[in-house]
N, C-alpha and C. Protein backbone atom coordinates (compact mmCIF):
# COMPACT_ATOMS: atom_id res chain seq x y z
N LEU A 1 0.84 -1.18 0.00
CA LEU A 1 0.00 0.00 0.00
C LEU A 1 0.88 1.24 0.00
N PHE A 2 0.47 2.25 -0.72
CA PHE A 2 1.10 3.56 -0.69
C PHE A 2 0.35 4.37 0.36
N VAL A 3 1.07 4.91 1.33
CA VAL A 3 0.46 5.65 2.44
C VAL A 3 1.00 7.08 2.41
N ALA A 4 0.13 8.03 2.11
CA ALA A 4 0.51 9.45 2.07
C ALA A 4 -0.14 10.18 3.23
N GLY A 5 0.37 11.37 3.52
CA GLY A 5 -0.17 12.18 4.60
C GLY A 5 0.42 11.83 5.95
N LEU A 6 1.59 11.20 5.94
CA LEU A 6 2.22 10.82 7.22
C LEU A 6 2.75 12.05 7.95
N SER A 7 2.61 12.02 9.25
CA SER A 7 3.20 13.05 10.11
C SER A 7 4.72 12.95 10.03
N TRP A 8 5.40 14.07 10.24
CA TRP A 8 6.87 14.05 10.24
C TRP A 8 7.39 13.15 11.36
N SER A 9 6.59 12.97 12.41
CA SER A 9 7.05 12.16 13.55
C SER A 9 6.75 10.68 13.38
N ALA A 10 6.05 10.30 12.31
CA ALA A 10 5.74 8.88 12.09
C ALA A 10 7.03 8.11 11.78
N ASP A 11 7.12 6.92 12.32
CA ASP A 11 8.25 6.05 12.01
C ASP A 11 7.72 4.67 11.63
N GLU A 12 8.64 3.78 11.26
CA GLU A 12 8.24 2.45 10.81
C GLU A 12 7.45 1.71 11.89
N ARG A 13 7.83 1.88 13.15
CA ARG A 13 7.15 1.18 14.24
C ARG A 13 5.71 1.67 14.37
N SER A 14 5.48 2.98 14.32
CA SER A 14 4.11 3.49 14.46
C SER A 14 3.24 3.07 13.28
N LEU A 15 3.83 3.00 12.09
CA LEU A 15 3.09 2.54 10.92
C LEU A 15 2.75 1.06 11.02
N THR A 16 3.70 0.26 11.48
CA THR A 16 3.45 -1.17 11.69
C THR A 16 2.35 -1.37 12.72
N ASP A 17 2.41 -0.65 13.82
CA ASP A 17 1.39 -0.76 14.86
C ASP A 17 0.01 -0.38 14.34
N ALA A 18 -0.07 0.65 13.51
CA ALA A 18 -1.35 1.11 13.00
C ALA A 18 -1.98 0.12 12.02
N PHE A 19 -1.16 -0.64 11.29
CA PHE A 19 -1.69 -1.51 10.24
C PHE A 19 -1.70 -2.99 10.60
N SER A 20 -1.03 -3.39 11.66
CA SER A 20 -0.90 -4.82 11.96
C SER A 20 -2.20 -5.50 12.37
N SER A 21 -3.20 -4.73 12.77
CA SER A 21 -4.47 -5.35 13.14
C SER A 21 -5.24 -5.89 11.93
N PHE A 22 -4.80 -5.55 10.72
CA PHE A 22 -5.48 -5.99 9.50
C PHE A 22 -4.85 -7.24 8.90
N GLY A 23 -3.73 -7.68 9.44
CA GLY A 23 -3.07 -8.87 8.91
C GLY A 23 -1.58 -8.83 9.17
N THR A 24 -0.87 -9.70 8.48
CA THR A 24 0.58 -9.82 8.65
C THR A 24 1.28 -8.76 7.80
N VAL A 25 1.91 -7.80 8.47
CA VAL A 25 2.68 -6.76 7.78
C VAL A 25 4.06 -7.33 7.53
N THR A 26 4.44 -7.43 6.26
CA THR A 26 5.73 -8.04 5.92
C THR A 26 6.84 -7.01 5.73
N GLU A 27 6.47 -5.77 5.39
CA GLU A 27 7.49 -4.73 5.22
C GLU A 27 6.85 -3.36 5.37
N VAL A 28 7.57 -2.45 6.00
CA VAL A 28 7.15 -1.05 6.14
C VAL A 28 8.35 -0.19 5.77
N ARG A 29 8.10 0.80 4.94
CA ARG A 29 9.19 1.69 4.54
C ARG A 29 8.66 3.11 4.47
N ILE A 30 9.28 4.02 5.19
CA ILE A 30 8.98 5.45 5.10
C ILE A 30 10.07 6.07 4.25
N MET A 31 9.69 6.94 3.35
CA MET A 31 10.66 7.57 2.46
C MET A 31 11.17 8.86 3.11
N TYR A 32 12.49 9.00 3.11
CA TYR A 32 13.15 10.15 3.73
C TYR A 32 13.90 10.96 2.68
N ASP A 33 13.97 12.27 2.91
CA ASP A 33 14.77 13.14 2.06
C ASP A 33 16.24 12.84 2.30
N LYS A 34 16.99 12.58 1.24
CA LYS A 34 18.39 12.18 1.43
C LYS A 34 19.28 13.32 1.91
N ASN A 35 18.88 14.57 1.68
CA ASN A 35 19.69 15.70 2.14
C ASN A 35 19.40 16.08 3.59
N SER A 36 18.12 16.19 3.93
CA SER A 36 17.76 16.64 5.28
C SER A 36 17.57 15.49 6.26
N GLY A 37 17.30 14.28 5.73
CA GLY A 37 17.02 13.15 6.60
C GLY A 37 15.61 13.16 7.17
N ARG A 38 14.82 14.13 6.77
CA ARG A 38 13.45 14.28 7.26
C ARG A 38 12.49 13.46 6.40
N SER A 39 11.44 12.97 7.02
CA SER A 39 10.42 12.19 6.30
C SER A 39 9.83 13.03 5.17
N ARG A 40 9.55 12.38 4.06
CA ARG A 40 8.91 13.05 2.93
C ARG A 40 7.39 13.00 3.04
N GLY A 41 6.88 12.38 4.11
CA GLY A 41 5.44 12.38 4.36
C GLY A 41 4.69 11.24 3.71
N PHE A 42 5.43 10.26 3.18
CA PHE A 42 4.76 9.10 2.61
C PHE A 42 5.62 7.86 2.79
N GLY A 43 4.97 6.72 2.64
CA GLY A 43 5.69 5.46 2.78
C GLY A 43 4.87 4.32 2.20
N PHE A 44 5.32 3.11 2.50
CA PHE A 44 4.70 1.91 1.95
C PHE A 44 4.52 0.87 3.04
N VAL A 45 3.40 0.16 2.99
CA VAL A 45 3.13 -0.94 3.91
C VAL A 45 2.79 -2.16 3.05
N GLN A 46 3.51 -3.25 3.27
CA GLN A 46 3.26 -4.47 2.50
C GLN A 46 2.67 -5.53 3.41
N PHE A 47 1.63 -6.20 2.92
CA PHE A 47 0.98 -7.29 3.64
C PHE A 47 1.32 -8.62 3.00
N SER A 48 1.03 -9.70 3.72
CA SER A 48 1.32 -11.03 3.20
C SER A 48 0.38 -11.45 2.08
N ASN A 49 -0.79 -10.79 1.97
CA ASN A 49 -1.69 -11.11 0.85
C ASN A 49 -2.56 -9.90 0.51
N ASN A 50 -3.18 -9.97 -0.67
CA ASN A 50 -3.97 -8.84 -1.18
C ASN A 50 -5.23 -8.58 -0.36
N TYR A 51 -5.83 -9.61 0.18
CA TYR A 51 -7.05 -9.44 0.96
C TYR A 51 -6.78 -8.56 2.19
N GLU A 52 -5.70 -8.86 2.90
CA GLU A 52 -5.34 -8.06 4.08
C GLU A 52 -5.05 -6.61 3.69
N ALA A 53 -4.36 -6.42 2.57
CA ALA A 53 -4.05 -5.07 2.09
C ALA A 53 -5.34 -4.31 1.77
N LYS A 54 -6.30 -4.97 1.13
CA LYS A 54 -7.57 -4.31 0.79
C LYS A 54 -8.34 -3.93 2.05
N CYS A 55 -8.36 -4.83 3.04
CA CYS A 55 -9.04 -4.52 4.30
C CYS A 55 -8.41 -3.31 4.98
N ALA A 56 -7.07 -3.27 4.99
CA ALA A 56 -6.36 -2.14 5.60
C ALA A 56 -6.64 -0.85 4.85
N LYS A 57 -6.61 -0.90 3.53
CA LYS A 57 -6.88 0.29 2.72
C LYS A 57 -8.29 0.81 2.99
N ASP A 58 -9.27 -0.08 2.95
CA ASP A 58 -10.65 0.33 3.16
C ASP A 58 -10.87 0.94 4.54
N ALA A 59 -10.21 0.39 5.55
CA ALA A 59 -10.41 0.86 6.93
C ALA A 59 -9.60 2.11 7.26
N MET A 60 -8.41 2.24 6.70
CA MET A 60 -7.50 3.31 7.12
C MET A 60 -7.49 4.54 6.22
N ASP A 61 -8.01 4.45 5.01
CA ASP A 61 -8.01 5.60 4.11
C ASP A 61 -8.86 6.72 4.72
N GLY A 62 -8.26 7.87 4.95
CA GLY A 62 -8.95 9.01 5.55
C GLY A 62 -8.86 9.08 7.06
N LYS A 63 -8.36 8.03 7.70
CA LYS A 63 -8.22 8.04 9.17
C LYS A 63 -7.08 8.97 9.57
N VAL A 64 -7.20 9.53 10.76
CA VAL A 64 -6.18 10.43 11.28
C VAL A 64 -5.17 9.64 12.09
N MET A 65 -3.89 9.83 11.76
CA MET A 65 -2.80 9.20 12.50
C MET A 65 -1.79 10.28 12.85
N LEU A 66 -1.51 10.43 14.13
CA LEU A 66 -0.57 11.45 14.62
C LEU A 66 -0.93 12.84 14.10
N GLY A 67 -2.24 13.13 14.06
CA GLY A 67 -2.71 14.46 13.71
C GLY A 67 -2.89 14.73 12.22
N ARG A 68 -2.66 13.75 11.37
CA ARG A 68 -2.80 13.96 9.92
C ARG A 68 -3.66 12.87 9.29
N ALA A 69 -4.49 13.26 8.33
CA ALA A 69 -5.35 12.29 7.64
C ALA A 69 -4.53 11.51 6.62
N LEU A 70 -4.64 10.19 6.68
CA LEU A 70 -3.91 9.33 5.75
C LEU A 70 -4.66 9.21 4.43
N ARG A 71 -3.91 9.16 3.35
CA ARG A 71 -4.46 8.87 2.02
C ARG A 71 -3.78 7.59 1.54
N ILE A 72 -4.58 6.56 1.32
CA ILE A 72 -4.01 5.25 1.04
C ILE A 72 -4.50 4.75 -0.31
N SER A 73 -3.57 4.22 -1.09
CA SER A 73 -3.92 3.60 -2.37
C SER A 73 -3.03 2.39 -2.58
N PHE A 74 -3.39 1.59 -3.55
CA PHE A 74 -2.54 0.45 -3.86
C PHE A 74 -1.30 0.96 -4.58
N ALA A 75 -0.14 0.52 -4.14
CA ALA A 75 1.12 0.95 -4.74
C ALA A 75 1.30 0.30 -6.10
N LEU A 76 1.93 1.03 -7.00
CA LEU A 76 2.25 0.50 -8.32
C LEU A 76 3.71 0.07 -8.32
N ASP A 77 4.01 -0.98 -9.07
CA ASP A 77 5.40 -1.41 -9.19
C ASP A 77 6.19 -0.35 -9.92
N LYS A 78 7.38 -0.06 -9.42
CA LYS A 78 8.24 0.92 -10.06
C LYS A 78 9.05 0.23 -11.14
N VAL A 79 9.03 0.79 -12.33
CA VAL A 79 9.82 0.26 -13.44
C VAL A 79 11.01 1.17 -13.61
N ARG A 80 12.18 0.65 -13.33
CA ARG A 80 13.39 1.48 -13.42
C ARG A 80 13.77 1.73 -14.87
N GLY A 81 14.03 2.99 -15.17
CA GLY A 81 14.52 3.36 -16.48
C GLY A 81 13.45 3.51 -17.55
N GLY A 82 12.25 3.11 -17.27
CA GLY A 82 11.18 3.21 -18.26
C GLY A 82 10.29 4.40 -17.99
N PRO A 83 9.59 4.86 -19.01
CA PRO A 83 8.67 5.98 -18.79
C PRO A 83 7.47 5.54 -17.97
N VAL A 84 6.93 6.47 -17.23
CA VAL A 84 5.72 6.20 -16.46
C VAL A 84 4.54 6.61 -17.33
N ILE A 85 3.68 5.65 -17.63
CA ILE A 85 2.52 5.93 -18.48
C ILE A 85 1.28 5.92 -17.60
N VAL A 86 0.60 7.06 -17.57
CA VAL A 86 -0.62 7.18 -16.78
C VAL A 86 -1.78 7.32 -17.75
N PRO A 87 -2.63 6.30 -17.84
CA PRO A 87 -3.77 6.43 -18.76
C PRO A 87 -4.72 7.51 -18.30
N ARG A 88 -5.21 8.28 -19.23
CA ARG A 88 -6.14 9.35 -18.92
C ARG A 88 -7.40 9.15 -19.75
N LEU A 89 -8.51 9.59 -19.20
CA LEU A 89 -9.75 9.53 -19.96
C LEU A 89 -9.72 10.57 -21.06
N PRO A 90 -10.26 10.24 -22.24
CA PRO A 90 -10.30 11.24 -23.31
C PRO A 90 -11.15 12.44 -22.88
N THR A 91 -10.75 13.60 -23.32
CA THR A 91 -11.48 14.82 -23.00
C THR A 91 -12.67 14.96 -23.94
N VAL A 92 -13.78 15.36 -23.40
CA VAL A 92 -14.99 15.52 -24.20
C VAL A 92 -15.36 17.00 -24.21
N GLY A 93 -15.80 17.50 -25.34
CA GLY A 93 -16.26 18.88 -25.40
C GLY A 93 -15.34 19.76 -26.21
N LYS A 94 -14.94 20.89 -25.64
CA LYS A 94 -14.18 21.91 -26.35
C LYS A 94 -12.71 21.54 -26.54
N PHE A 95 -12.23 20.56 -25.81
CA PHE A 95 -10.81 20.26 -25.84
C PHE A 95 -10.52 19.11 -26.80
N LEU A 96 -9.30 19.06 -27.27
CA LEU A 96 -8.89 17.97 -28.15
C LEU A 96 -8.75 16.69 -27.35
N SER A 97 -9.00 15.60 -28.00
CA SER A 97 -8.86 14.29 -27.36
C SER A 97 -7.90 13.46 -28.19
N TYR A 98 -6.94 12.82 -27.53
CA TYR A 98 -5.96 12.00 -28.21
C TYR A 98 -6.14 10.55 -27.81
N PRO A 99 -5.97 9.61 -28.74
CA PRO A 99 -6.07 8.19 -28.37
C PRO A 99 -4.88 7.77 -27.54
N PHE A 100 -5.05 6.70 -26.79
CA PHE A 100 -3.94 6.17 -26.00
C PHE A 100 -2.88 5.61 -26.94
N PRO A 101 -1.60 5.76 -26.60
CA PRO A 101 -0.55 5.17 -27.44
C PRO A 101 -0.58 3.65 -27.31
N LYS A 102 -0.22 2.97 -28.38
CA LYS A 102 -0.13 1.51 -28.34
C LYS A 102 1.18 1.13 -27.69
N ILE A 103 1.12 0.22 -26.76
CA ILE A 103 2.32 -0.18 -26.01
C ILE A 103 2.73 -1.56 -26.45
């Protein structure tokens, strides 16, 4: 799971504690700024299976943790060196609409 909206004081232990009631948490990672060492306000929580991850997402999205509302979505696999393609809905009306590129 991708977890955004983390408090600067959140650490891996607090994230594990918040999500472990939904299943087996196999990995927790908070992303830090490499220059300042300060949290970037987001991280990742991995569960042992998709069902547990979905339960955690449904229950925790929008919940307040350490004074900040969490925004949770399913994380996408990072492809190193490749472009990130985000499909968009075609625009209707006054704007031009372009077809999706063939991959």
